[in-house]
């Protein structure tokens, strides 16, 4: 679904301009996104398998919830909306903990250049996996895996190519942030 997004400069500052998401991707214009990582107190992390019909990285495993920030939309509001849409969970403002902003540039092909700033949040998952309701158009599957397994598969010795390539440093920061909360 195409939507209007705010355009950012290469440092992540708002430019005052907007564009449709498809144009931002075609021209490689920076724009904001949200990433929300859910974790459990017993050291598990919720991962999402991207839908098979996604243009980018279909069927690869990824962040618990992610999405584009609508033009003029607050980051936390956007994150709460995406959580509800993608996994059917209602989170109240203040339950999300922002842990950082990560710059990402991925050139998929000439007409799809993803230049994003990921506003990244953590949230404790307090409901069982089976109570989550995935958005079929966006999400193929959801899974809870141990933080140790996640570490090994994203940047450790196993380093499986089953995850969206956000980069080793990104995954290390996420894992470190979750460990601090256990």
Protein backbone atom coordinates (compact mmCIF):
# COMPACT_ATOMS: atom_id res chain seq x y z
CA UNK A 1 0.00 0.00 0.00
CA UNK A 2 1.39 3.38 -1.00
CA UNK A 3 1.30 6.15 1.57
CA UNK A 4 2.58 9.68 2.05
CA UNK A 5 5.84 9.83 4.05
CA UNK A 6 8.00 12.65 5.38
CA UNK A 7 11.29 13.18 3.55
CA UNK A 8 14.43 13.43 5.68
CA UNK A 9 17.94 14.65 4.90
CA UNK A 10 20.94 12.29 5.08
CA UNK A 11 21.27 13.03 8.82
CA UNK A 12 17.65 12.13 9.60
CA UNK A 13 16.32 15.69 9.92
CA UNK A 14 12.90 16.59 8.55
CA UNK A 15 13.10 18.59 5.32
CA UNK A 16 9.49 19.81 5.36
CA UNK A 17 8.81 17.83 2.18
CA UNK A 18 6.66 14.75 1.69
CA UNK A 19 6.40 12.13 -1.04
CA UNK A 20 4.57 8.92 -1.71
CA UNK A 21 6.48 5.94 -0.33
CA UNK A 22 6.86 4.49 -3.85
CA UNK A 23 8.55 7.71 -5.04
CA UNK A 24 10.83 7.81 -1.97
CA UNK A 25 11.91 4.23 -2.76
CA UNK A 26 12.33 4.92 -6.47
CA UNK A 27 14.45 8.04 -5.91
CA UNK A 28 16.31 6.85 -2.80
CA UNK A 29 14.89 9.60 -0.57
CA UNK A 30 15.42 9.21 3.16
CA UNK A 31 12.26 8.64 5.20
CA UNK A 32 11.42 7.39 8.71
CA UNK A 33 10.32 3.89 9.70
CA UNK A 34 9.61 2.21 13.02
CA UNK A 35 11.01 -1.09 14.27
CA UNK A 36 9.56 -2.73 17.39
CA UNK A 37 11.34 -5.69 18.98
CA UNK A 38 9.26 -7.73 21.43
CA UNK A 39 11.02 -9.85 24.04
CA UNK A 40 9.94 -12.02 26.97
CA UNK A 41 11.36 -11.93 30.49
CA UNK A 42 12.60 -15.49 30.00
CA UNK A 43 14.95 -14.38 27.22
CA UNK A 44 13.03 -14.95 24.02
CA UNK A 45 12.61 -12.59 21.09
CA UNK A 46 9.61 -12.41 18.76
CA UNK A 47 10.58 -12.62 15.09
CA UNK A 48 8.38 -12.18 12.05
CA UNK A 49 8.69 -14.00 8.75
CA UNK A 50 7.95 -11.52 5.98
CA UNK A 51 5.07 -12.31 3.65
CA UNK A 52 5.76 -14.29 0.49
CA UNK A 53 4.43 -11.46 -1.70
CA UNK A 54 6.62 -8.69 -0.22
CA UNK A 55 8.74 -6.80 -2.77
CA UNK A 56 11.76 -6.79 -0.47
CA UNK A 57 13.14 -9.88 1.29
CA UNK A 58 10.07 -12.13 0.99
CA UNK A 59 10.00 -15.01 3.50
CA UNK A 60 13.09 -13.81 5.39
CA UNK A 61 12.83 -13.43 9.17
CA UNK A 62 12.83 -9.90 10.52
CA UNK A 63 12.03 -7.53 13.37
CA UNK A 64 8.87 -8.34 15.37
CA UNK A 65 6.99 -5.41 13.82
CA UNK A 66 8.07 -2.76 11.33
CA UNK A 67 6.54 -0.17 9.08
CA UNK A 68 6.71 3.24 7.49
CA UNK A 69 5.82 6.35 9.44
CA UNK A 70 2.99 8.26 7.79
CA UNK A 71 3.61 11.92 6.96
CA UNK A 72 3.12 14.03 10.09
CA UNK A 73 2.72 10.93 12.27
CA UNK A 74 4.44 10.65 15.64
CA UNK A 75 6.95 7.74 15.86
CA UNK A 76 5.31 6.12 18.89
CA UNK A 77 1.84 6.46 17.34
CA UNK A 78 3.16 4.85 14.16
CA UNK A 79 4.70 1.99 16.12
CA UNK A 80 1.46 1.36 18.03
CA UNK A 81 -0.51 1.36 14.76
CA UNK A 82 1.90 -1.09 13.12
CA UNK A 83 1.78 -3.41 16.15
CA UNK A 84 -2.01 -3.52 15.96
CA UNK A 85 -2.01 -4.09 12.18
CA UNK A 86 0.75 -6.70 11.96
CA UNK A 87 0.28 -8.81 15.10
CA UNK A 88 -3.13 -7.76 16.46
CA UNK A 89 -1.81 -6.54 19.79
CA UNK A 90 -2.98 -3.33 21.47
CA UNK A 91 -0.16 -1.47 23.19
CA UNK A 92 -0.69 1.71 25.17
CA UNK A 93 1.49 4.80 24.80
CA UNK A 94 4.37 4.68 27.24
CA UNK A 95 4.81 0.89 27.00
CA UNK A 96 7.34 1.23 24.19
CA UNK A 97 10.95 2.03 25.04
CA UNK A 98 12.87 3.83 22.31
CA UNK A 99 16.44 2.55 22.11
CA UNK A 100 17.79 4.41 19.11
CA UNK A 101 17.63 5.46 15.49
CA UNK A 102 19.50 3.43 12.89
CA UNK A 103 20.39 4.69 9.42
CA UNK A 104 19.91 2.12 6.66
CA UNK A 105 20.62 2.27 2.93
CA UNK A 106 19.77 -0.79 0.84
CA UNK A 107 19.86 -0.72 -2.95
CA UNK A 108 17.64 -3.58 -4.06
CA UNK A 109 17.62 -2.57 -7.75
CA UNK A 110 17.61 0.63 -9.83
CA UNK A 111 13.98 1.46 -8.99
CA UNK A 112 14.05 0.39 -5.34
CA UNK A 113 16.55 2.15 -3.10
CA UNK A 114 15.57 1.97 0.57
CA UNK A 115 17.03 4.94 2.47
CA UNK A 116 15.52 4.86 5.93
CA UNK A 117 16.01 5.87 9.51
CA UNK A 118 14.66 3.07 11.73
CA UNK A 119 13.22 4.52 14.96
CA UNK A 120 13.66 1.45 17.10
CA UNK A 121 11.69 0.41 20.17
CA UNK A 122 11.63 -2.48 22.63
CA UNK A 123 8.54 -3.82 24.33
CA UNK A 124 8.03 -6.72 26.69
CA UNK A 125 5.67 -9.34 25.27
CA UNK A 126 3.24 -10.36 28.01
CA UNK A 127 0.86 -12.56 26.03
CA UNK A 128 1.44 -16.06 24.63
CA UNK A 129 2.44 -16.41 20.99
CA UNK A 130 -0.85 -18.10 20.06
CA UNK A 131 -2.81 -14.97 21.08
CA UNK A 132 -1.10 -12.84 18.43
CA UNK A 133 -3.02 -12.40 15.17
CA UNK A 134 -0.73 -11.96 12.20
CA UNK A 135 -1.67 -9.78 9.25
CA UNK A 136 -1.78 -12.33 6.43
CA UNK A 137 -0.90 -9.87 3.66
CA UNK A 138 2.30 -8.76 5.42
CA UNK A 139 3.31 -11.60 7.74
CA UNK A 140 3.89 -15.24 6.85
CA UNK A 141 4.65 -16.47 10.38
CA UNK A 142 5.60 -15.43 13.91
CA UNK A 143 7.99 -17.25 16.21
CA UNK A 144 9.61 -16.87 19.61
CA UNK A 145 13.25 -17.94 19.76
CA UNK A 146 15.86 -17.71 22.48
CA UNK A 147 18.06 -14.63 22.50
CA UNK A 148 21.09 -16.95 22.33
CA UNK A 149 19.81 -18.62 19.16
CA UNK A 150 18.93 -15.22 17.69
CA UNK A 151 22.45 -13.96 18.45
CA UNK A 152 24.09 -16.97 16.83
CA UNK A 153 21.90 -16.78 13.74
CA UNK A 154 22.21 -13.03 13.11
CA UNK A 155 25.89 -12.40 13.79
CA UNK A 156 27.43 -15.35 15.60
CA UNK A 157 29.06 -18.48 14.23
CA UNK A 158 25.88 -19.80 12.64
CA UNK A 159 25.22 -16.46 10.86
CA UNK A 160 22.40 -17.91 8.83
CA UNK A 161 21.17 -16.02 5.80
CA UNK A 162 17.57 -16.43 6.91
CA UNK A 163 17.25 -12.88 8.29
CA UNK A 164 16.79 -9.52 6.60
CA UNK A 165 20.35 -8.12 6.26
CA UNK A 166 20.12 -5.17 8.65
CA UNK A 167 23.83 -5.51 9.44
CA UNK A 168 25.78 -7.06 12.27
CA UNK A 169 26.04 -3.84 14.31
CA UNK A 170 22.28 -3.31 14.22
CA UNK A 171 21.59 -6.83 15.46
CA UNK A 172 24.28 -6.54 18.16
CA UNK A 173 22.67 -3.33 19.45
CA UNK A 174 19.23 -4.96 19.60
CA UNK A 175 20.56 -8.01 21.44
CA UNK A 176 22.55 -5.87 23.90
CA UNK A 177 19.49 -3.71 24.61
CA UNK A 178 17.26 -6.74 25.24
CA UNK A 179 19.87 -8.39 27.50
CA UNK A 180 19.93 -5.28 29.71
CA UNK A 181 16.22 -5.74 30.38
CA UNK A 182 16.30 -9.41 31.38
